[in-house]
Protein backbone atom coordinates (compact mmCIF):
# COMPACT_ATOMS: atom_id res chain seq x y z
CA MET A 1 -10.76 10.66 -4.36
CA ALA A 2 -12.41 9.02 -7.70
CA GLY A 3 -15.77 8.74 -7.75
CA TRP A 4 -15.89 11.28 -4.63
CA VAL A 5 -14.84 14.68 -5.73
CA GLY A 6 -16.00 16.35 -9.35
CA LEU A 7 -15.11 15.90 -12.66
CA GLN A 8 -12.60 18.97 -12.87
CA GLU A 9 -10.70 17.52 -9.86
CA LEU A 10 -9.93 14.24 -11.71
CA MET A 11 -8.89 16.54 -14.29
CA ARG A 12 -6.04 18.24 -12.51
CA ALA A 13 -4.54 14.98 -11.28
CA GLU A 14 -4.94 13.58 -14.57
CA VAL A 15 -2.57 16.53 -15.40
CA ILE A 16 -0.04 15.59 -13.33
CA GLN A 17 -0.42 11.03 -14.20
CA ARG A 18 -0.21 12.35 -18.49
CA ARG A 19 2.80 14.47 -17.16
CA ASP A 20 4.63 11.52 -15.02
CA GLU A 21 3.99 9.37 -17.97
CA ALA A 22 6.47 11.84 -20.11
CA CYS A 23 3.20 13.26 -22.08
CA ASP A 24 2.87 17.26 -23.16
CA VAL A 25 0.48 18.71 -20.92
CA ASN A 26 1.34 22.25 -21.54
CA GLY A 27 -2.17 24.69 -21.47
CA PHE A 28 -4.37 21.60 -20.11
CA LEU A 29 -4.64 23.14 -16.81
CA GLU A 30 -5.67 26.17 -18.17
CA ARG A 31 -8.25 24.73 -19.73
CA ILE A 32 -9.51 22.81 -17.21
CA GLU A 33 -10.01 25.76 -15.39
CA ALA A 34 -11.82 27.72 -17.90
CA ALA A 35 -14.09 24.61 -18.49
CA SER A 36 -15.11 25.09 -15.00
CA GLU A 37 -17.70 22.45 -14.38
CA ASN A 38 -19.02 21.52 -17.96
CA GLU A 39 -19.17 18.20 -18.28
CA ALA A 40 -18.95 18.40 -21.67
CA ASP A 41 -15.92 20.39 -22.03
CA LEU A 42 -14.40 18.79 -19.38
CA LEU A 43 -15.14 15.20 -20.88
CA SER A 44 -13.44 16.76 -24.48
CA ILE A 45 -10.36 17.86 -22.91
CA TYR A 46 -10.07 14.50 -20.96
CA GLY A 47 -10.45 12.42 -24.79
CA GLN A 48 -7.87 15.03 -25.61
CA LEU A 49 -5.67 14.28 -22.35
CA CYS A 50 -5.96 10.22 -22.68
CA ALA A 51 -5.11 10.87 -27.00
CA LEU A 52 -1.42 11.98 -26.45
CA GLU A 53 1.32 10.19 -26.81
CA PRO A 54 4.57 10.07 -24.58
CA GLN A 55 7.14 12.20 -26.00
CA GLN A 56 9.70 9.47 -24.89
CA PRO A 57 8.33 6.03 -24.56
CA ASN A 58 9.63 4.36 -21.08
CA MET A 59 10.01 1.07 -22.12
CA ASP A 60 11.21 0.26 -18.77
CA GLU A 61 8.02 0.20 -17.50
CA PRO A 62 5.33 -2.57 -19.77
CA ASN A 63 2.21 -3.52 -17.25
CA GLU A 64 2.53 -7.44 -18.03
CA LEU A 65 3.94 -9.62 -16.39
CA LYS A 66 5.53 -11.77 -19.26
CA GLU A 67 7.22 -8.16 -20.35
CA ILE A 68 7.89 -7.26 -16.45
CA ARG A 69 10.01 -10.26 -16.09
CA ALA A 70 12.06 -9.74 -18.74
CA LEU A 71 12.99 -6.89 -17.45
CA ARG A 72 14.02 -8.07 -13.73
CA PRO A 73 17.11 -8.22 -12.66
CA GLU A 74 18.68 -11.61 -11.02
CA GLY A 75 16.08 -13.03 -7.75
CA PRO A 76 16.38 -15.87 -5.30
CA ARG A 77 12.50 -16.54 -6.52
CA LYS A 78 12.31 -19.24 -3.90
CA LEU A 79 13.36 -19.50 -0.23
CA GLU A 80 13.57 -22.92 1.84
CA LEU A 81 13.77 -22.88 5.32
CA ASP A 82 13.10 -25.75 7.48
CA LEU A 83 10.62 -25.20 10.54
CA SER A 84 8.26 -26.94 12.92
CA SER A 85 4.68 -26.08 12.41
CA GLU A 86 4.15 -24.18 15.40
CA ALA A 87 7.75 -21.94 14.42
CA TRP A 88 5.64 -21.27 11.10
CA GLN A 89 2.43 -20.78 12.63
CA ASP A 90 3.88 -17.94 14.71
CA LYS A 91 5.97 -16.30 11.96
CA PHE A 92 1.98 -16.02 10.50
CA TYR A 93 0.97 -14.82 13.50
CA GLY A 94 3.88 -12.43 13.72
CA ALA A 95 2.50 -11.01 9.60
CA TRP A 96 -0.87 -10.39 10.96
CA LEU A 97 -0.19 -8.85 14.31
CA GLY A 98 2.93 -6.91 12.97
CA ARG A 99 0.26 -5.37 9.90
CA SER A 100 -2.33 -4.92 12.74
CA ILE A 101 0.10 -2.50 15.24
CA GLY A 102 1.50 -0.62 12.86
CA CYS A 103 -1.56 -0.09 10.46
CA ALA A 104 -3.21 1.18 14.01
CA LEU A 105 -0.05 3.48 14.90
CA GLY A 106 -0.50 5.29 11.57
CA LYS A 107 -4.48 5.36 11.53
CA PRO A 108 -4.60 8.70 13.97
CA LEU A 109 -1.97 10.24 11.69
CA GLU A 110 -3.60 9.80 8.41
CA TRP A 111 -4.80 13.78 8.46
CA PRO A 112 -3.50 16.39 5.85
CA ASN A 113 -1.66 18.21 8.51
CA PHE A 114 0.55 14.60 8.67
CA MET A 115 0.31 13.71 5.37
CA ALA A 116 0.63 16.62 3.37
CA GLY A 117 2.11 19.19 5.76
CA SER A 118 0.59 22.28 7.06
CA HIS A 119 1.75 25.38 8.27
CA GLY A 120 5.08 25.70 6.47
CA ARG A 121 5.79 22.20 8.17
CA PRO A 122 6.62 19.38 6.35
CA GLY A 123 4.20 16.27 7.43
CA TRP A 124 7.11 14.28 9.92
CA GLU A 125 7.55 17.56 11.69
CA ASN A 126 4.02 17.64 12.52
CA VAL A 127 4.40 14.20 13.70
CA TYR A 128 7.73 14.51 15.66
CA LEU A 129 5.72 18.11 17.50
CA TRP A 130 2.82 15.59 18.18
CA PHE A 131 4.49 13.25 20.01
CA GLU A 132 7.00 15.94 21.67
CA GLY A 133 3.74 17.38 22.44
CA ALA A 134 1.79 14.33 24.35
CA ASN A 135 5.63 13.85 26.14
CA ALA A 136 5.95 10.70 24.23
CA TRP A 137 8.96 11.28 22.04
CA PRO A 138 10.34 8.88 20.63
CA ILE A 139 7.68 6.75 19.08
CA GLN A 140 7.47 4.17 21.46
CA ASN A 141 3.91 2.95 21.94
CA TYR A 142 0.82 3.96 19.71
CA THR A 143 -0.71 7.83 18.49
CA PRO A 144 -1.63 9.71 21.70
CA GLY A 145 -4.89 11.04 21.58
CA ASN A 146 -4.13 14.30 23.01
CA SER A 147 -1.17 16.47 22.39
CA SER A 148 -0.16 20.52 23.42
CA ALA A 149 0.70 20.46 19.64
CA GLU A 150 -3.02 20.58 18.59
CA LYS A 151 -3.62 24.44 20.93
CA GLU A 152 0.48 25.48 19.73
CA TYR A 153 0.45 24.42 15.94
CA GLY A 154 -2.68 23.90 15.08
CA ILE A 155 -2.19 20.35 14.11
CA LYS A 156 -5.21 17.17 14.96
CA LEU A 157 -5.45 13.78 14.74
CA ALA A 158 -7.92 12.08 12.04
CA THR A 159 -11.03 11.49 13.72
CA TRP A 160 -11.73 7.71 12.45
CA GLY A 161 -8.70 7.18 13.77
CA SER A 162 -9.49 7.88 17.91
CA GLU A 163 -10.48 3.91 18.98
CA SER A 164 -7.02 3.30 17.34
CA THR A 165 -4.84 5.89 19.46
CA LYS A 166 -3.50 5.07 23.26
CA GLU A 167 -6.09 5.98 25.52
CA ARG A 168 -8.65 3.74 23.70
CA ILE A 169 -6.60 0.94 21.83
CA ALA A 170 -8.47 -2.91 22.32
CA TYR A 171 -8.67 -4.25 19.28
CA MET A 172 -8.21 -3.54 15.49
CA GLN A 173 -10.32 -1.16 14.65
CA THR A 174 -11.74 -1.51 10.26
CA ASP A 175 -9.43 -0.43 8.10
CA ASP A 176 -9.01 -0.80 4.14
CA ASP A 177 -5.12 -1.86 4.82
CA ILE A 178 -7.07 -4.85 6.74
CA ARG A 179 -9.86 -4.81 4.73
CA TYR A 180 -7.40 -5.74 1.34
CA THR A 181 -5.53 -8.96 3.79
CA VAL A 182 -8.87 -10.59 4.56
CA LEU A 183 -9.52 -10.21 0.62
CA GLY A 184 -6.34 -11.36 0.23
CA LEU A 185 -6.95 -14.43 2.53
CA MET A 186 -10.42 -15.37 1.43
CA MET A 187 -9.24 -15.62 -2.36
CA LEU A 188 -6.60 -17.71 -1.57
CA GLU A 189 -8.95 -20.22 0.33
CA ARG A 190 -11.74 -19.39 -2.40
CA LYS A 191 -9.61 -20.48 -5.90
CA GLY A 192 -5.96 -21.05 -4.80
CA LEU A 193 -3.88 -20.15 -8.07
CA ASP A 194 -6.61 -20.62 -10.16
CA TRP A 195 -8.11 -16.70 -10.29
CA ASP A 196 -7.35 -13.33 -12.17
CA SER A 197 -7.94 -9.77 -11.85
CA TRP A 198 -11.57 -10.49 -13.09
CA ASP A 199 -12.10 -12.59 -10.11
CA ILE A 200 -10.88 -9.47 -7.60
CA GLY A 201 -13.06 -7.45 -9.32
CA LYS A 202 -16.29 -9.68 -8.61
CA LEU A 203 -14.85 -10.23 -5.24
CA TRP A 204 -14.62 -6.61 -4.71
CA HIS A 205 -18.25 -6.01 -5.81
CA GLU A 206 -19.54 -9.29 -3.47
CA VAL A 207 -18.14 -8.44 -0.16
CA LEU A 208 -17.11 -4.46 -0.39
CA SER A 209 -19.55 -1.16 -0.77
CA TYR A 210 -18.94 1.19 -2.07
CA ASN A 211 -17.38 3.77 0.79
CA GLN A 212 -14.87 1.06 1.66
CA VAL A 213 -12.90 1.70 -1.23
CA CYS A 214 -10.15 4.98 -2.42
CA THR A 215 -8.91 6.52 -5.14
CA ALA A 216 -7.88 3.87 -7.98
CA GLU A 217 -10.22 1.65 -6.54
CA THR A 218 -12.98 3.87 -6.18
CA GLN A 219 -12.92 4.45 -9.67
CA SER A 220 -12.15 0.56 -10.90
CA TYR A 221 -15.11 -0.65 -8.82
CA LEU A 222 -17.43 1.98 -10.75
CA ASN A 223 -15.56 0.85 -14.15
CA PHE A 224 -16.10 -2.81 -12.94
CA ALA A 225 -19.56 -2.03 -12.86
CA GLN A 226 -20.23 -1.07 -15.88
CA VAL A 227 -18.62 -4.01 -17.61
CA THR A 228 -20.35 -6.16 -15.73
CA HIS A 229 -24.31 -4.59 -15.15
CA HIS A 230 -24.36 -2.28 -18.28
CA TYR A 231 -23.59 -4.89 -20.90
CA GLY A 232 -24.55 -7.86 -18.79
CA GLU A 233 -21.57 -10.13 -18.09
CA VAL A 234 -21.39 -11.92 -15.31
CA LYS A 235 -19.08 -14.28 -16.83
CA LYS A 236 -15.59 -13.09 -17.32
CA PRO A 237 -16.01 -11.53 -21.24
CA GLN A 238 -13.36 -12.95 -23.73
CA ASP A 239 -11.79 -9.55 -24.66
CA TRP A 240 -11.54 -8.68 -20.70
CA ASP A 241 -8.05 -8.00 -21.41
CA HIS A 242 -8.74 -5.39 -22.98
CA LYS A 243 -11.84 -4.13 -21.11
CA LYS A 244 -9.73 -4.37 -18.20
CA HIS A 245 -7.16 -1.76 -19.52
CA TRP A 246 -10.12 0.80 -19.61
CA VAL A 247 -11.42 -0.81 -15.95
CA ARG A 248 -8.11 0.44 -14.32
CA THR A 249 -7.45 3.75 -16.25
CA TYR A 250 -10.66 5.50 -17.36
CA LEU A 251 -11.28 8.57 -15.38
CA ASN A 252 -8.61 7.02 -12.74
CA PRO A 253 -5.97 9.51 -12.92
CA TYR A 254 -4.62 7.95 -9.25
CA ARG A 255 -3.74 4.89 -11.48
CA GLU A 256 -0.03 4.44 -9.69
CA PHE A 257 -0.90 5.44 -6.43
CA ILE A 258 -0.75 3.60 -3.24
CA GLY A 259 -4.02 1.13 -3.22
CA ALA A 260 -2.12 -1.14 -4.71
CA GLN A 261 0.56 -1.88 -2.46
CA ILE A 262 -1.14 -1.90 0.40
CA ARG A 263 -2.86 -5.38 -0.96
CA ALA A 264 -0.29 -7.45 -1.26
CA ASP A 265 -0.25 -8.92 2.31
CA GLY A 266 -3.21 -12.09 2.08
CA PHE A 267 -1.52 -13.38 -0.77
CA ALA A 268 2.10 -13.05 0.51
CA TYR A 269 1.27 -14.25 3.11
CA GLY A 270 0.16 -17.37 1.09
CA ALA A 271 3.37 -17.44 -0.84
CA ALA A 272 5.76 -17.75 1.77
CA GLY A 273 9.60 -18.18 1.19
CA GLN A 274 8.53 -17.80 -2.67
CA PRO A 275 8.87 -13.82 -3.83
CA GLU A 276 8.17 -14.70 -7.36
CA LEU A 277 5.18 -16.51 -6.69
CA ALA A 278 3.45 -13.28 -4.54
CA ALA A 279 5.16 -10.93 -7.06
CA GLU A 280 2.87 -13.01 -9.51
CA LEU A 281 -0.05 -12.70 -6.98
CA ALA A 282 0.45 -9.07 -6.86
CA TRP A 283 0.69 -8.70 -10.46
CA ARG A 284 -2.91 -10.53 -10.64
CA ASP A 285 -4.60 -8.40 -7.96
CA ALA A 286 -2.56 -4.72 -9.32
CA SER A 287 -3.57 -5.28 -12.79
CA PHE A 288 -7.48 -4.63 -11.87
CA SER A 289 -6.88 -0.82 -10.92
CA HIS A 290 -3.50 0.34 -11.37
CA ILE A 291 -0.47 -0.02 -14.40
CA ARG A 292 2.73 0.24 -13.97
CA ASN A 293 4.57 1.80 -10.70
CA GLY A 294 0.89 1.02 -8.84
CA ILE A 295 2.02 -2.46 -10.31
CA TYR A 296 5.26 -2.57 -9.06
CA GLY A 297 4.23 -1.40 -5.82
CA GLU A 298 2.16 -3.87 -5.22
CA MET A 299 4.74 -6.61 -6.67
CA PHE A 300 8.03 -5.13 -4.54
CA VAL A 301 6.05 -5.42 -1.53
CA ALA A 302 4.61 -8.80 -2.05
CA ALA A 303 8.23 -10.16 -2.47
CA MET A 304 9.48 -8.80 0.31
CA ILE A 305 6.62 -9.81 2.48
CA ALA A 306 6.86 -13.52 1.52
CA ALA A 307 10.81 -13.57 1.11
CA ALA A 308 10.51 -12.18 5.37
CA PHE A 309 9.12 -15.59 6.12
CA VAL A 310 12.97 -17.24 5.78
CA GLU A 311 15.14 -13.65 5.34
CA SER A 312 15.44 -11.21 7.87
CA ASN A 313 18.58 -9.28 6.77
CA PRO A 314 16.56 -5.64 5.57
CA LEU A 315 18.96 -5.24 2.05
CA LYS A 316 18.52 -8.09 1.17
CA LEU A 317 14.67 -8.62 1.55
CA VAL A 318 14.64 -5.05 -0.22
CA GLU A 319 17.32 -6.70 -3.10
CA ILE A 320 14.61 -9.41 -3.62
CA GLY A 321 11.50 -7.44 -3.60
CA LEU A 322 13.61 -5.43 -6.21
CA SER A 323 14.48 -8.20 -7.74
CA GLU A 324 10.65 -8.50 -9.36
CA ILE A 325 10.53 -5.33 -10.59
CA PRO A 326 11.66 -4.06 -13.97
CA GLN A 327 15.74 -2.93 -12.68
CA ASN A 328 14.87 0.89 -14.40
CA CYS A 329 11.87 1.83 -13.71
CA ARG A 330 10.99 5.02 -11.97
CA LEU A 331 10.15 3.00 -8.71
CA ALA A 332 12.96 1.14 -8.75
CA ARG A 333 15.41 3.80 -9.07
CA ASP A 334 13.30 5.82 -5.98
CA VAL A 335 13.37 3.04 -3.85
CA ARG A 336 17.39 2.47 -4.31
CA LYS A 337 18.21 6.21 -3.74
CA ALA A 338 16.07 5.58 0.08
CA VAL A 339 18.21 2.66 1.05
CA ASP A 340 20.85 5.09 0.07
CA ILE A 341 19.60 7.55 2.82
CA ALA A 342 19.01 5.25 5.29
CA GLN A 343 22.35 3.61 4.78
CA ASP A 344 24.04 6.57 5.14
CA THR A 345 22.17 8.44 8.06
CA THR A 346 21.88 7.53 11.74
CA ASP A 347 19.43 10.16 13.16
CA GLN A 348 15.86 9.34 12.36
CA LEU A 349 15.05 12.62 12.04
CA ALA A 350 18.05 13.93 9.61
CA LEU A 351 16.27 10.44 7.71
CA VAL A 352 12.89 11.41 7.64
CA GLN A 353 14.03 14.96 6.49
CA GLN A 354 16.16 13.61 3.52
CA LEU A 355 13.46 11.68 2.57
CA TRP A 356 10.44 14.15 2.79
CA ASP A 357 12.56 16.59 0.50
CA ALA A 358 13.84 13.54 -2.22
CA PHE A 359 10.20 12.53 -3.00
CA GLN A 360 8.03 15.47 -1.60
CA HIS A 361 7.14 16.22 -5.15
CA TYR A 362 4.87 12.86 -5.38
CA ASP A 363 1.76 12.77 -4.16
CA PRO A 364 1.62 11.83 -0.14
CA VAL A 365 -0.20 8.59 -1.80
CA HIS A 366 1.70 8.05 -4.63
CA THR A 367 3.32 4.41 -4.62
CA ASN A 368 6.90 5.45 -5.27
CA ASN A 369 7.20 8.16 -2.35
CA ASN A 370 6.25 5.51 0.17
CA ALA A 371 7.13 2.44 -1.41
CA ALA A 372 11.02 4.25 -1.06
CA LEU A 373 9.50 4.87 3.01
CA VAL A 374 9.02 1.41 3.57
CA ALA A 375 12.07 0.23 2.17
CA ALA A 376 14.33 2.72 4.17
CA SER A 377 12.17 2.08 7.43
CA LEU A 378 13.45 -1.31 6.96
CA VAL A 379 17.00 -0.86 6.46
CA PHE A 380 17.00 2.18 8.95
CA ALA A 381 16.14 -0.13 11.77
CA LYS A 382 18.66 -3.25 11.40
CA GLY A 383 16.47 -5.83 12.63
CA ASP A 384 14.33 -3.56 15.68
CA PHE A 385 10.60 -3.71 15.11
CA THR A 386 9.26 -0.19 16.94
CA THR A 387 12.18 1.77 15.16
CA ALA A 388 10.79 -0.27 11.72
CA ILE A 389 7.01 0.80 12.64
CA ALA A 390 8.23 4.00 14.26
CA THR A 391 9.99 5.84 11.22
CA SER A 392 8.03 4.75 8.54
CA VAL A 393 4.60 6.24 10.24
CA LEU A 394 7.33 9.40 11.47
CA CYS A 395 8.30 10.32 7.74
CA GLY A 396 4.02 11.45 6.92
CA TRP A 397 2.40 10.91 3.43
CA ASP A 398 0.19 7.38 3.91
CA THR A 399 1.12 6.87 7.90
CA ASP A 400 -1.17 3.50 8.25
CA CYS A 401 -0.53 2.43 4.86
CA ASN A 402 3.31 2.31 5.57
CA GLY A 403 3.42 1.38 9.40
CA ALA A 404 1.20 -1.65 7.91
CA THR A 405 3.54 -2.74 5.54
CA VAL A 406 6.22 -2.48 7.20
CA GLY A 407 4.83 -3.78 10.57
CA SER A 408 3.86 -7.29 8.50
CA ILE A 409 7.60 -7.57 7.16
CA MET A 410 9.01 -7.14 10.38
CA GLY A 411 6.55 -9.34 12.23
CA ALA A 412 6.81 -12.42 9.57
CA SER A 413 10.50 -12.02 9.86
CA LEU A 414 10.79 -11.87 14.05
CA GLY A 415 7.22 -13.94 14.92
CA ALA A 416 4.25 -13.27 17.12
CA LYS A 417 6.78 -14.35 19.95
CA GLN A 418 9.97 -11.62 19.67
CA LEU A 419 7.23 -9.00 19.18
CA PRO A 420 6.88 -6.05 22.29
CA ALA A 421 4.16 -7.26 24.24
CA HIS A 422 3.45 -3.82 24.86
CA TRP A 423 2.24 -3.61 21.11
CA VAL A 424 1.17 -6.44 20.95
CA LYS A 425 -1.73 -6.93 23.72
CA PRO A 426 -3.48 -3.55 23.90
CA LEU A 427 -5.23 -5.44 20.36
CA ASN A 428 -6.48 -8.42 22.34
CA ASP A 429 -6.24 -10.75 19.50
CA THR A 430 -9.21 -8.73 17.85
CA LEU A 431 -9.74 -7.94 14.52
CA TYR A 432 -12.73 -5.89 13.34
CA SER A 433 -12.51 -5.85 9.31
CA ALA A 434 -16.26 -4.77 8.54
CA VAL A 435 -15.88 -8.29 5.89
CA ILE A 436 -18.79 -10.34 6.98
CA GLY A 437 -17.54 -13.33 8.56
CA PHE A 438 -14.08 -11.07 10.15
CA HIS A 439 -16.04 -8.52 11.57
CA PRO A 440 -14.85 -9.73 14.26
CA ILE A 441 -12.78 -12.69 14.21
CA ALA A 442 -9.54 -13.78 16.47
CA ILE A 443 -5.89 -12.44 14.91
CA SER A 444 -4.74 -15.79 15.10
CA GLU A 445 -7.29 -17.40 13.59
CA CYS A 446 -6.54 -15.28 10.31
CA ALA A 447 -2.69 -16.16 10.81
CA ARG A 448 -4.11 -19.80 10.91
CA ARG A 449 -5.70 -19.85 7.71
CA SER A 450 -2.97 -18.36 6.25
CA TYR A 451 -1.18 -20.79 7.29
CA GLU A 452 -3.15 -24.14 5.65
CA VAL A 453 -3.23 -21.95 2.39
CA PHE A 454 0.09 -22.08 2.69
CA LEU A 455 0.28 -25.40 2.96
CA LYS A 456 -1.94 -25.86 0.44
CA LEU A 457 -0.16 -23.86 -1.70
CA LYS A 458 3.04 -24.96 -1.19
CA ASN A 459 2.31 -28.97 -2.16
């Protein structure tokens, strides 16, 4: 990933990204291999990659909010629901709990043999084999720490997720999927609606360490340091929009990966019932580190989360999410394809097999395949919490991210009181986020604070 791998590997990833942007990249991989570790040659090749013009400019995938909104379909933009304070707070607690539960379920499975597959098997099959080998199939509870599949099939869990296994879980352990939710809450508490992507960079540099960010976030974090420290700019420069594009693209081949999509929740909670506002806040956030479908992923998810506080029909939630992004962008097309698959399938294993086949051309942590899986999981589950998060994790790819997003949507829709106790109790209402002031903190306290932000923004 950016900041953690050599320049040659970044260049290989950049070739894939430029190809996705409809550029002719013939011969570039061979040149990169020939350059080996020669930094000057690699940077020269990188400059030529950046100079490529798309063979077919994609007018359906702009980066700016005004242009995005001009290409979106009709949507409700704002939903109304008359609830008591207690009922609203139950929904916020449900959202925070659901996100934590789904993240914890998928965290031990965030390992290459589950995300990308291994030994000739797709990732979903390895997830299935792990649970089956632990006598825990179908998925009804947290990931078992031990399975006969480890010895029999040569697969293993992620070591960093051991505290979230069924035998050990006693709280929500620190994870980037939860840290970004905390940061969204912090931004809305501090600045309300008065912030933009510059403020995102400042907040990251204030509260996140370098080893707490990944892929696109890592490179944007590094690039932002160049802008703020090398040039001595502690206040937003007048040409920030120009510098912003450099921050989110320079040496960042991961600019359409899932990183922004997992950052939507804290903002969407504050905009509960207002999918248009949630999508706008997501756009501000995503624009710091992503472009095009990377931005749309956060907007799509944010709109669904905000709508889930009011709307429970999964098909309508997906439609609302799609109503905030360009209707002909690749993400929208992929989501619609996934929904069609989910509607035509009644077997969970058949579903994930078809999704894997349809979207395996994407990297396991690309926005599009994971967002498509989120939508399919919601539609397939028909309102059942366990089925929804289990399906989102079973497919592989970015297991903890997808479990967290689906859990957040389901939790906001159902409310905390409707979540199965065997998922809720092991967390002991406790979050360790590795963010000062939120380590540890009661999950219910985070929910209460999100509710307070919601009241302020609503008024």
